[in-house]
Amino acid sequence: MPELSRRRALTAAAVVAGAPLVAVPAARAADHDSHSPASPDSFDEVYKGRRIQGRPTGGGGHHHGGGYGVYVDGVELHVMRNADGTWISVVSHYDPVPTPRAAARAAVDELQGARLVPFPTG
């Protein structure tokens, strides 16, 4: 049997170590293609004295919201779903949260009692 050189041993170790790195992205891509993100549940509650609501829309809303509308005191809060599944709003754009409800609550916190002004989508 031929003697195993140091170079061959290191090459084999690198190949074995790198194999999972190639397989994981492929598996994630396949999983992503086969499952669409679930639409969040509807909500309607009073948070810190403000009425916040969220519900799936018929797709007629702004395309970034993914067919989901969020409202603070009846005024639409522009929301967007990120590629990683988190949500942001025009009010708290740099603070991603896990759900549209959390985005509405974060907006109320940021507004500190101020009225939400409709976001121009035109």
Protein backbone atom coordinates (compact mmCIF):
# COMPACT_ATOMS: atom_id res chain seq x y z
CA MET A 1 0.00 0.00 0.00
CA PRO A 2 1.44 3.42 -0.92
CA GLU A 3 2.51 5.65 1.93
CA LEU A 4 0.11 8.48 2.72
CA SER A 5 1.90 11.78 2.25
CA ARG A 6 1.25 14.81 4.39
CA ARG A 7 -0.06 16.70 1.34
CA ARG A 8 -2.56 13.94 0.49
CA ALA A 9 -3.74 13.75 4.10
CA LEU A 10 -4.32 17.51 4.24
CA THR A 11 -6.10 17.48 0.86
CA ALA A 12 -8.38 14.64 1.98
CA ALA A 13 -9.14 16.44 5.25
CA ALA A 14 -10.00 19.63 3.37
CA VAL A 15 -12.35 17.77 1.03
CA VAL A 16 -14.10 16.01 3.91
CA ALA A 17 -14.41 19.26 5.88
CA GLY A 18 -15.71 21.19 2.87
CA ALA A 19 -18.37 18.68 1.82
CA PRO A 20 -20.97 19.83 4.38
CA LEU A 21 -20.42 23.44 3.32
CA VAL A 22 -21.53 22.56 -0.19
CA ALA A 23 -24.43 20.34 0.87
CA VAL A 24 -26.03 22.75 3.36
CA PRO A 25 -26.70 25.66 0.93
CA ALA A 26 -28.09 23.21 -1.63
CA ALA A 27 -30.43 21.70 0.96
CA ARG A 28 -31.54 25.15 2.12
CA ALA A 29 -32.23 26.23 -1.46
CA ALA A 30 -34.31 23.13 -2.08
CA ASP A 31 -36.21 23.66 1.17
CA HIS A 32 -36.81 27.34 0.33
CA ASP A 33 -38.16 26.49 -3.12
CA SER A 34 -40.56 23.86 -1.82
CA HIS A 35 -42.11 25.95 0.98
CA SER A 36 -43.55 29.43 0.65
CA PRO A 37 -43.50 31.61 3.78
CA ALA A 38 -46.72 31.27 5.72
CA SER A 39 -48.90 34.33 5.99
CA PRO A 40 -48.97 35.67 9.56
CA ASP A 41 -52.18 35.47 11.56
CA SER A 42 -54.53 38.43 11.82
CA PHE A 43 -54.49 40.57 14.95
CA ASP A 44 -56.55 43.41 16.40
CA GLU A 45 -55.59 44.84 19.76
CA VAL A 46 -55.02 48.01 21.74
CA TYR A 47 -51.34 48.57 22.49
CA LYS A 48 -50.36 51.52 24.70
CA GLY A 49 -53.68 53.18 23.93
CA ARG A 50 -53.35 52.75 20.14
CA ARG A 51 -55.39 50.34 18.06
CA ILE A 52 -53.13 48.13 15.98
CA GLN A 53 -54.43 45.71 13.39
CA GLY A 54 -52.97 43.32 10.88
CA ARG A 55 -54.50 41.02 8.34
CA PRO A 56 -53.74 39.26 5.08
CA THR A 57 -54.81 41.32 2.08
CA GLY A 58 -55.93 40.17 -1.32
CA GLY A 59 -52.57 41.17 -2.73
CA GLY A 60 -53.87 44.61 -3.66
CA GLY A 61 -51.62 46.36 -1.14
CA HIS A 62 -48.03 47.45 -1.59
CA HIS A 63 -45.93 44.59 -2.99
CA HIS A 64 -43.31 44.68 -0.20
CA GLY A 65 -45.85 43.69 2.44
CA GLY A 66 -46.36 40.35 0.79
CA GLY A 67 -50.16 40.62 0.83
CA TYR A 68 -50.34 41.67 4.48
CA GLY A 69 -51.69 44.99 5.82
CA VAL A 70 -50.81 46.61 9.15
CA TYR A 71 -52.70 49.59 10.59
CA VAL A 72 -52.19 51.96 13.53
CA ASP A 73 -55.39 53.78 14.49
CA GLY A 74 -56.80 52.95 11.03
CA VAL A 75 -53.82 54.41 9.12
CA GLU A 76 -51.82 51.92 7.08
CA LEU A 77 -48.30 51.30 8.36
CA HIS A 78 -46.02 50.49 5.44
CA VAL A 79 -44.37 47.14 6.26
CA MET A 80 -41.96 44.94 4.39
CA ARG A 81 -40.95 41.32 4.87
CA ASN A 82 -37.22 40.73 4.61
CA ALA A 83 -35.65 37.73 2.89
CA ASP A 84 -34.89 36.15 6.29
CA GLY A 85 -38.58 36.31 7.29
CA THR A 86 -38.27 39.31 9.63
CA TRP A 87 -40.41 42.42 9.22
CA ILE A 88 -39.62 46.14 9.18
CA SER A 89 -41.79 49.22 8.87
CA VAL A 90 -41.29 52.71 7.55
CA VAL A 91 -41.23 53.90 11.18
CA SER A 92 -38.71 51.38 12.53
CA HIS A 93 -36.84 50.55 9.34
CA TYR A 94 -33.53 49.55 10.93
CA ASP A 95 -34.94 47.31 13.65
CA PRO A 96 -36.20 44.02 12.15
CA VAL A 97 -38.79 42.14 14.20
CA PRO A 98 -40.23 38.61 13.86
CA THR A 99 -43.89 39.46 13.08
CA PRO A 100 -46.11 42.22 11.69
CA ARG A 101 -47.64 42.56 15.18
CA ALA A 102 -44.18 43.27 16.58
CA ALA A 103 -43.63 45.80 13.75
CA ALA A 104 -46.87 47.59 14.71
CA ARG A 105 -45.88 47.63 18.38
CA ALA A 106 -42.39 48.94 17.53
CA ALA A 107 -43.97 51.71 15.44
CA VAL A 108 -46.23 52.73 18.34
CA ASP A 109 -43.18 52.82 20.61
CA GLU A 110 -41.28 55.00 18.11
CA LEU A 111 -44.21 57.35 17.53
CA GLN A 112 -44.36 58.16 21.25
CA GLY A 113 -47.96 59.34 20.96
CA ALA A 114 -47.57 61.13 17.62
CA ARG A 115 -50.09 60.41 14.87
CA LEU A 116 -49.01 58.07 12.05
CA VAL A 117 -49.05 59.96 8.76
CA PRO A 118 -49.97 57.92 5.67
CA PHE A 119 -46.95 56.86 3.61
CA PRO A 120 -47.14 58.04 -0.01
CA THR A 121 -46.99 55.03 -2.35
CA GLY A 122 -47.38 56.83 -5.57
